């Protein structure tokens, strides 16, 4: 017997209410943005209470998203990992700013992994918009 996950129920409810309907405007719209610490400590909230993952946000199947981020620090480079909010499974990975088109509608969050040895704990400013 199939028992839907809380994420599947939430997504179905949002689709039913029209919150996840295709956009009629051709202008990019902001989906998520903020400032968080990088994922040097691999927890969304570390022992000191620092936020290290974005807040969850909805993405729509076959909709193009532009992901941009910058990291403070002299020698810093981070990569983005987009993960399913229910399972924590990585659904997309990117080294540089750019576009992503998801295969399915789902609730996701992002974390930013430091890629330069002996660096980390830098602030990452990010923004996700729909593509033009």
Protein backbone atom coordinates (compact mmCIF):
# COMPACT_ATOMS: atom_id res chain seq x y z
CA UNK A 1 0.00 0.00 0.00
CA UNK A 2 1.32 3.45 -0.93
CA UNK A 3 1.52 5.98 1.90
CA UNK A 4 2.43 9.45 0.64
CA UNK A 5 5.23 11.31 2.37
CA UNK A 6 4.56 14.66 4.05
CA UNK A 7 6.46 16.33 1.18
CA UNK A 8 4.22 14.68 -1.42
CA UNK A 9 1.10 15.81 0.47
CA UNK A 10 2.44 19.38 0.80
CA UNK A 11 3.40 19.53 -2.88
CA UNK A 12 0.00 18.19 -3.98
CA UNK A 13 -1.74 20.76 -1.78
CA UNK A 14 0.30 23.60 -3.20
CA UNK A 15 -0.40 22.46 -6.76
CA UNK A 16 -4.12 22.21 -6.00
CA UNK A 17 -4.22 25.76 -4.62
CA UNK A 18 -2.38 27.15 -7.64
CA UNK A 19 0.78 28.07 -5.76
CA UNK A 20 2.86 26.00 -8.15
CA UNK A 21 1.17 26.96 -11.41
CA UNK A 22 3.30 28.11 -14.36
CA UNK A 23 4.25 31.77 -14.25
CA UNK A 24 2.50 34.00 -16.78
CA UNK A 25 5.19 36.68 -16.63
CA UNK A 26 8.39 36.39 -18.65
CA UNK A 27 10.29 38.44 -16.06
CA UNK A 28 12.52 36.52 -13.67
CA UNK A 29 11.07 36.26 -10.19
CA UNK A 30 12.99 35.65 -6.98
CA UNK A 31 12.40 32.23 -5.49
CA UNK A 32 14.88 32.28 -2.59
CA UNK A 33 17.71 34.46 -1.31
CA UNK A 34 19.74 35.08 1.81
CA UNK A 35 23.06 34.82 3.59
CA UNK A 36 24.23 31.68 5.39
CA UNK A 37 27.51 30.13 6.50
CA UNK A 38 29.06 27.55 4.21
CA UNK A 39 28.65 23.84 4.93
CA UNK A 40 32.09 23.38 6.56
CA UNK A 41 30.20 21.88 9.51
CA UNK A 42 27.85 19.46 7.78
CA UNK A 43 24.66 20.34 9.67
CA UNK A 44 21.96 22.80 8.69
CA UNK A 45 22.19 24.38 12.14
CA UNK A 46 25.54 23.95 13.89
CA UNK A 47 26.22 23.67 17.65
CA UNK A 48 26.51 27.47 17.90
CA UNK A 49 23.11 27.98 16.26
CA UNK A 50 24.53 29.20 12.93
CA UNK A 51 22.36 28.59 9.84
CA UNK A 52 24.30 26.56 7.21
CA UNK A 53 21.49 25.60 4.77
CA UNK A 54 18.97 27.72 2.93
CA UNK A 55 15.34 27.65 3.97
CA UNK A 56 13.36 25.10 1.94
CA UNK A 57 11.67 26.38 -1.21
CA UNK A 58 9.49 24.86 -3.92
CA UNK A 59 10.70 24.21 -7.46
CA UNK A 60 8.48 23.26 -10.38
CA UNK A 61 9.16 20.50 -12.87
CA UNK A 62 10.53 21.78 -16.21
CA UNK A 63 10.93 25.37 -14.92
CA UNK A 64 14.35 26.97 -15.38
CA UNK A 65 16.03 28.45 -12.29
CA UNK A 66 19.11 30.65 -12.14
CA UNK A 67 21.30 30.03 -9.07
CA UNK A 68 23.85 32.70 -8.11
CA UNK A 69 26.08 32.91 -5.07
CA UNK A 70 29.23 34.57 -3.79
CA UNK A 71 31.43 33.67 -0.86
CA UNK A 72 33.34 36.09 1.36
CA UNK A 73 37.01 35.32 1.91
CA UNK A 74 40.29 35.81 0.09
CA UNK A 75 40.77 32.19 -0.96
CA UNK A 76 37.29 30.78 -1.04
CA UNK A 77 35.37 28.70 -3.50
CA UNK A 78 32.13 26.95 -2.73
CA UNK A 79 29.90 24.65 -4.72
CA UNK A 80 26.13 24.44 -4.35
CA UNK A 81 24.29 21.24 -3.53
CA UNK A 82 20.52 21.33 -3.99
CA UNK A 83 18.89 18.65 -1.83
CA UNK A 84 15.43 17.17 -1.44
CA UNK A 85 13.98 18.61 1.77
CA UNK A 86 12.33 15.32 2.74
CA UNK A 87 15.17 12.87 2.21
CA UNK A 88 18.28 15.08 2.14
CA UNK A 89 19.22 13.40 -1.16
CA UNK A 90 21.22 15.62 -3.52
CA UNK A 91 19.19 16.43 -6.66
CA UNK A 92 21.57 18.96 -8.27
CA UNK A 93 25.21 20.05 -7.95
CA UNK A 94 26.95 23.04 -9.50
CA UNK A 95 30.45 24.59 -9.30
CA UNK A 96 29.59 28.03 -10.70
CA UNK A 97 26.58 30.33 -11.05
CA UNK A 98 24.15 29.03 -13.65
CA UNK A 99 20.85 27.47 -14.59
CA UNK A 100 19.02 24.36 -13.40
CA UNK A 101 15.79 22.76 -14.63
CA UNK A 102 14.42 20.16 -12.17
CA UNK A 103 13.01 16.83 -13.35
CA UNK A 104 10.12 17.01 -10.88
CA UNK A 105 8.31 19.48 -8.62
CA UNK A 106 9.60 19.24 -5.08
CA UNK A 107 10.59 21.03 -1.91
CA UNK A 108 14.37 21.60 -1.83
CA UNK A 109 17.07 23.43 0.12
CA UNK A 110 20.67 24.37 -0.68
CA UNK A 111 24.00 24.14 1.07
CA UNK A 112 27.36 25.49 -0.10
CA UNK A 113 30.43 23.31 0.40
CA UNK A 114 33.89 24.90 0.68
CA UNK A 115 36.27 23.48 -1.94
CA UNK A 116 39.58 25.10 -0.97
CA UNK A 117 41.63 23.07 1.52
CA UNK A 118 41.71 24.46 5.09
CA UNK A 119 39.01 27.05 4.39
CA UNK A 120 35.42 27.28 5.50
CA UNK A 121 33.10 29.10 7.86
CA UNK A 122 32.68 31.89 5.30
CA UNK A 123 29.41 33.71 4.61
CA UNK A 124 27.65 32.82 1.37
CA UNK A 125 25.16 35.25 -0.22
CA UNK A 126 22.80 33.46 -2.59
CA UNK A 127 19.84 34.16 -4.85
CA UNK A 128 17.60 31.84 -6.86
CA UNK A 129 15.39 33.31 -9.59
CA UNK A 130 13.38 31.91 -12.45
CA UNK A 131 15.20 32.26 -15.77
CA UNK A 132 14.47 35.05 -18.22
